[in-house]
Amino acid sequence: MEMNIRYDGKTVLVTGGTGGIGLACAQVFSGLGAKVAICGTNQAKLDKALQTLRAEGGQVWGEVCDVSSPKALNDLADHVEAALGPIDVWVSNAGVMPPYSLIDIDEKSWDQVMDVNVKGVCMGAQSAFRTMKDRGGVILVASSFASLIPSIGSGAYAASKAAVSSMVKTLAAELAPYGIRVNGYIPGVIETDMTAAGRAANGESMRSVIALQQFGQPIDVAWSLAFLASDYASYITGTTLEISGGKMGVQNPAKAWQDKLTRG
């Protein structure tokens, strides 16, 4: 059977949809026929993203939204429904990554990462549930490879994403009776602004631990989410998908590439 993923007549909301992975998700879902809503915290970036999506022929809508605010999230859901119709897929992609070690992070920065990355996901799921409970739907949540293997310098971020991966399992069970599936996604090293500094400073070593020996593109994540949100994934819930090119699957992935050269 040929796979044909379409979202005609459906509404997809992507938080943090003004750039990087979020914008790529908006573009893919829009290209598959969905009506797409995005939000972000920067009006100029939001306007640019909406312009890009409309130029590609999408039916899109967006507004500035602070996902750490439950009221803002509820208002966002109401505004999306008024503009595009009932929400079928809610993608919680928004997140922040303050560059602090755990022993150095100040209380304000700690609260920010937890408010956006953890509270924002939980309150977003509540808003999504309110809109989906009578019809069903799909919630997709951004975790991180840091939830599996944390790094020095971003311990609070890692802790927040570990919490996200845990919430995915609980939310999936709580919302299953309502026909709502919940899954997470773990991007590896994707070429976005968030990873730019690390790639510039440590690109070779970062690439060396990836089985495919290359960084991912935002579109790689977006297509994976298009599958997870589709009916082809109707029996997948409560899991978190790694989209990492095989990052740290073994201790020495580069050796396979060296062996290939010697085998000819």
Protein backbone atom coordinates (compact mmCIF):
# COMPACT_ATOMS: atom_id res chain seq x y z
CA MET A 1 0.00 0.00 0.00
CA GLU A 2 1.37 3.40 -0.99
CA MET A 3 1.62 5.84 1.90
CA ASN A 4 -0.13 9.14 1.26
CA ILE A 5 -0.14 11.46 4.25
CA ARG A 6 -2.58 14.35 3.92
CA TYR A 7 -4.08 16.85 6.36
CA ASP A 8 -6.75 18.42 4.19
CA GLY A 9 -9.39 20.13 6.33
CA LYS A 10 -7.35 19.71 9.53
CA THR A 11 -5.88 22.43 11.74
CA VAL A 12 -2.35 22.17 13.09
CA LEU A 13 -0.87 24.47 15.75
CA VAL A 14 2.90 24.76 16.14
CA THR A 15 4.27 26.68 19.11
CA GLY A 16 7.72 28.09 18.53
CA GLY A 17 6.84 28.01 14.84
CA THR A 18 8.69 31.11 13.67
CA GLY A 19 12.01 29.47 12.81
CA GLY A 20 14.10 26.31 12.74
CA ILE A 21 12.27 23.04 13.39
CA GLY A 22 8.99 24.79 14.19
CA LEU A 23 8.85 26.67 10.91
CA ALA A 24 9.83 23.53 8.98
CA CYS A 25 6.95 21.69 10.68
CA ALA A 26 4.56 24.46 9.72
CA GLN A 27 5.77 24.28 6.12
CA VAL A 28 5.42 20.49 5.90
CA PHE A 29 1.95 20.35 7.45
CA SER A 30 0.83 23.25 5.28
CA GLY A 31 2.19 21.53 2.19
CA LEU A 32 0.17 18.45 3.13
CA GLY A 33 -3.04 20.45 3.11
CA ALA A 34 -3.40 21.54 6.73
CA LYS A 35 -4.51 24.93 7.97
CA VAL A 36 -1.56 25.99 10.13
CA ALA A 37 -1.27 28.28 13.13
CA ILE A 38 2.06 29.33 14.59
CA CYS A 39 3.16 31.37 17.55
CA GLY A 40 6.40 32.83 18.84
CA THR A 41 7.64 35.55 21.16
CA ASN A 42 9.09 37.93 18.55
CA GLN A 43 6.67 39.88 16.38
CA ALA A 44 9.18 40.51 13.59
CA LYS A 45 10.09 36.82 13.32
CA LEU A 46 6.41 35.89 13.42
CA ASP A 47 5.60 38.29 10.59
CA LYS A 48 8.48 36.93 8.49
CA ALA A 49 7.43 33.32 9.08
CA LEU A 50 3.81 34.05 8.18
CA GLN A 51 4.97 35.81 5.02
CA THR A 52 7.05 32.76 4.08
CA LEU A 53 4.16 30.36 4.66
CA ARG A 54 1.66 32.49 2.76
CA ALA A 55 4.08 32.83 -0.16
CA GLU A 56 4.11 29.02 -0.32
CA GLY A 57 0.33 29.00 -0.62
CA GLY A 58 -0.58 28.02 2.92
CA GLN A 59 -3.69 28.96 4.85
CA VAL A 60 -1.97 30.24 7.98
CA TRP A 61 -2.53 32.36 11.05
CA GLY A 62 -0.30 33.40 13.93
CA GLU A 63 0.15 35.53 17.01
CA VAL A 64 2.73 36.34 19.66
CA CYS A 65 2.33 34.06 22.67
CA ASP A 66 4.21 33.37 25.90
CA VAL A 67 3.77 29.62 26.35
CA SER A 68 4.71 29.82 30.02
CA SER A 69 1.36 31.57 30.64
CA PRO A 70 -1.69 29.27 30.97
CA LYS A 71 -4.00 32.15 30.09
CA ALA A 72 -1.99 32.96 26.97
CA LEU A 73 -2.17 29.31 25.88
CA ASN A 74 -5.92 29.13 26.43
CA ASP A 75 -6.37 32.38 24.53
CA LEU A 76 -4.14 31.03 21.75
CA ALA A 77 -6.31 27.91 21.41
CA ASP A 78 -9.47 30.02 21.28
CA HIS A 79 -7.99 32.36 18.68
CA VAL A 80 -6.80 29.48 16.49
CA GLU A 81 -10.24 27.86 16.56
CA ALA A 82 -11.88 31.16 15.66
CA ALA A 83 -9.47 31.74 12.77
CA LEU A 84 -8.98 28.23 11.36
CA GLY A 85 -11.34 25.82 13.06
CA PRO A 86 -10.94 23.10 15.74
CA ILE A 87 -7.35 22.06 16.44
CA ASP A 88 -6.49 18.52 15.34
CA VAL A 89 -2.73 18.49 15.97
CA TRP A 90 -0.95 20.48 18.69
CA VAL A 91 2.85 20.62 18.36
CA SER A 92 4.55 21.92 21.51
CA ASN A 93 7.82 22.93 19.93
CA ALA A 94 8.65 26.12 21.85
CA GLY A 95 11.64 25.91 24.18
CA VAL A 96 14.59 27.78 25.65
CA MET A 97 18.12 26.64 26.49
CA PRO A 98 19.99 28.97 28.87
CA PRO A 99 23.78 28.42 28.74
CA TYR A 100 24.47 27.81 32.42
CA SER A 101 25.96 25.02 34.51
CA LEU A 102 23.73 23.85 37.34
CA ILE A 103 26.11 25.28 39.93
CA ASP A 104 26.05 28.69 38.21
CA ILE A 105 22.46 29.14 37.08
CA ASP A 106 20.52 31.88 38.83
CA GLU A 107 16.97 31.50 40.05
CA LYS A 108 15.47 33.68 37.32
CA SER A 109 17.07 31.62 34.54
CA TRP A 110 16.07 28.36 36.25
CA ASP A 111 12.47 29.52 36.51
CA GLN A 112 12.46 30.60 32.86
CA VAL A 113 13.59 27.24 31.50
CA MET A 114 11.16 25.33 33.71
CA ASP A 115 8.29 27.70 32.99
CA VAL A 116 8.73 27.50 29.21
CA ASN A 117 9.93 23.92 28.74
CA VAL A 118 7.99 22.11 31.46
CA LYS A 119 5.03 24.21 32.56
CA GLY A 120 4.46 25.32 28.97
CA VAL A 121 4.17 21.71 27.83
CA CYS A 122 1.83 20.72 30.66
CA MET A 123 -0.40 23.78 30.34
CA GLY A 124 -0.31 23.43 26.56
CA ALA A 125 -1.53 19.85 26.89
CA GLN A 126 -4.38 21.08 29.08
CA SER A 127 -5.35 23.64 26.45
CA ALA A 128 -5.11 21.00 23.72
CA PHE A 129 -7.24 18.59 25.77
CA ARG A 130 -9.92 21.22 26.22
CA THR A 131 -10.18 21.61 22.44
CA MET A 132 -9.81 17.91 21.53
CA LYS A 133 -11.64 15.97 24.24
CA ASP A 134 -14.84 15.56 22.23
CA ARG A 135 -13.17 14.81 18.88
CA GLY A 136 -9.75 13.27 19.54
CA GLY A 137 -6.46 14.56 18.21
CA VAL A 138 -2.70 14.38 18.46
CA ILE A 139 -0.25 16.19 20.74
CA LEU A 140 3.45 16.16 19.81
CA VAL A 141 6.00 17.46 22.29
CA ALA A 142 9.62 18.52 21.80
CA SER A 143 12.08 16.74 24.06
CA SER A 144 15.84 16.67 23.44
CA PHE A 145 18.81 14.33 23.25
CA ALA A 146 19.82 16.07 26.48
CA SER A 147 16.98 14.15 28.18
CA LEU A 148 18.95 10.95 27.45
CA ILE A 149 22.51 12.18 27.91
CA PRO A 150 22.89 15.62 29.53
CA SER A 151 25.78 17.95 28.84
CA ILE A 152 27.88 20.21 31.04
CA GLY A 153 26.69 23.76 30.59
CA SER A 154 23.01 23.01 30.02
CA GLY A 155 21.94 20.97 33.03
CA ALA A 156 18.71 22.85 33.64
CA TYR A 157 17.70 22.37 30.02
CA ALA A 158 18.45 18.65 30.27
CA ALA A 159 16.41 18.34 33.44
CA SER A 160 13.48 20.13 31.82
CA LYS A 161 13.55 17.85 28.78
CA ALA A 162 13.79 14.73 30.95
CA ALA A 163 10.61 15.96 32.63
CA VAL A 164 9.01 16.41 29.21
CA SER A 165 9.81 12.82 28.17
CA SER A 166 8.26 11.60 31.42
CA MET A 167 5.12 13.70 30.92
CA VAL A 168 4.65 12.25 27.43
CA LYS A 169 4.05 8.81 28.92
CA THR A 170 1.63 10.04 31.57
CA LEU A 171 -0.27 12.34 29.23
CA ALA A 172 -0.62 9.55 26.68
CA ALA A 173 -2.30 7.33 29.27
CA GLU A 174 -4.48 10.10 30.70
CA LEU A 175 -5.74 11.23 27.29
CA ALA A 176 -6.10 7.83 25.58
CA PRO A 177 -9.78 7.44 26.65
CA TYR A 178 -10.52 10.62 24.70
CA GLY A 179 -8.94 9.45 21.47
CA ILE A 180 -5.94 11.74 21.90
CA ARG A 181 -2.48 10.38 21.16
CA VAL A 182 0.60 11.97 22.75
CA ASN A 183 4.16 11.44 21.55
CA GLY A 184 7.46 13.21 22.02
CA TYR A 185 10.33 13.77 19.65
CA ILE A 186 14.06 13.99 20.29
CA PRO A 187 16.00 15.92 17.67
CA GLY A 188 19.71 15.21 17.44
CA VAL A 189 22.08 17.88 16.21
CA ILE A 190 19.88 19.79 13.79
CA GLU A 191 21.21 22.75 11.84
CA THR A 192 19.30 25.53 13.60
CA ASP A 193 20.21 28.77 15.36
CA MET A 194 20.06 26.95 18.71
CA THR A 195 22.91 24.62 17.73
CA ALA A 196 24.92 27.10 15.64
CA ALA A 197 27.46 28.07 18.29
CA GLY A 198 28.13 24.48 19.30
CA ARG A 199 28.53 23.34 15.70
CA ALA A 200 30.91 26.20 14.98
CA ALA A 201 33.11 25.40 17.97
CA ASN A 202 32.91 21.59 18.04
CA GLY A 203 31.44 20.52 14.72
CA GLU A 204 33.90 17.74 13.94
CA SER A 205 33.62 16.06 17.32
CA MET A 206 29.83 16.44 17.34
CA ARG A 207 29.57 14.86 13.90
CA SER A 208 31.89 12.00 14.83
CA VAL A 209 29.43 10.49 17.34
CA ILE A 210 26.57 10.36 14.82
CA ALA A 211 26.16 7.10 12.89
CA LEU A 212 25.23 8.94 9.69
CA GLN A 213 28.20 11.30 10.24
CA GLN A 214 26.14 14.37 9.37
CA PHE A 215 23.92 16.92 11.05
CA GLY A 216 20.19 16.87 10.52
CA GLN A 217 18.01 19.46 8.83
CA PRO A 218 14.79 20.91 10.30
CA ILE A 219 12.86 19.23 7.50
CA ASP A 220 14.07 15.82 8.74
CA VAL A 221 12.27 16.40 12.03
CA ALA A 222 9.21 17.90 10.35
CA TRP A 223 8.56 14.87 8.15
CA SER A 224 8.90 12.58 11.16
CA LEU A 225 6.23 14.58 12.97
CA ALA A 226 3.97 14.51 9.92
CA PHE A 227 4.10 10.71 10.18
CA LEU A 228 3.58 10.63 13.96
CA ALA A 229 0.51 12.85 13.66
CA SER A 230 -0.99 10.78 10.83
CA ASP A 231 -3.35 7.81 10.90
CA TYR A 232 -0.42 5.62 9.85
CA ALA A 233 0.82 6.07 13.43
CA SER A 234 -2.56 5.40 15.04
CA TYR A 235 -1.14 2.74 17.39
CA ILE A 236 1.83 4.84 18.50
CA THR A 237 1.36 6.79 21.72
CA GLY A 238 3.36 7.44 24.87
CA THR A 239 6.70 7.14 23.13
CA THR A 240 9.47 9.59 22.28
CA LEU A 241 11.04 9.23 18.85
CA GLU A 242 14.74 9.89 18.37
CA ILE A 243 15.46 11.80 15.16
CA SER A 244 19.19 11.93 15.56
CA GLY A 245 20.91 10.12 12.72
CA GLY A 246 21.95 7.41 15.18
CA LYS A 247 23.69 9.76 17.61
CA MET A 248 25.64 7.91 20.32
CA GLY A 249 24.04 4.59 19.39
CA VAL A 250 27.49 3.06 19.71
CA GLN A 251 30.75 4.36 21.19
CA ASN A 252 32.62 4.61 17.89
CA PRO A 253 30.32 5.13 14.89
CA ALA A 254 33.11 6.64 12.77
CA LYS A 255 34.85 3.25 12.69
CA ALA A 256 32.16 1.85 10.40
CA TRP A 257 33.02 4.54 7.84
CA GLN A 258 36.72 3.78 8.17
CA ASP A 259 36.02 0.04 7.74
CA LYS A 260 34.04 0.80 4.58
CA LEU A 261 37.11 2.44 3.03
CA THR A 262 39.32 -0.57 3.76
CA ARG A 263 36.76 -3.01 2.38
CA GLY A 264 36.39 -1.05 -0.85
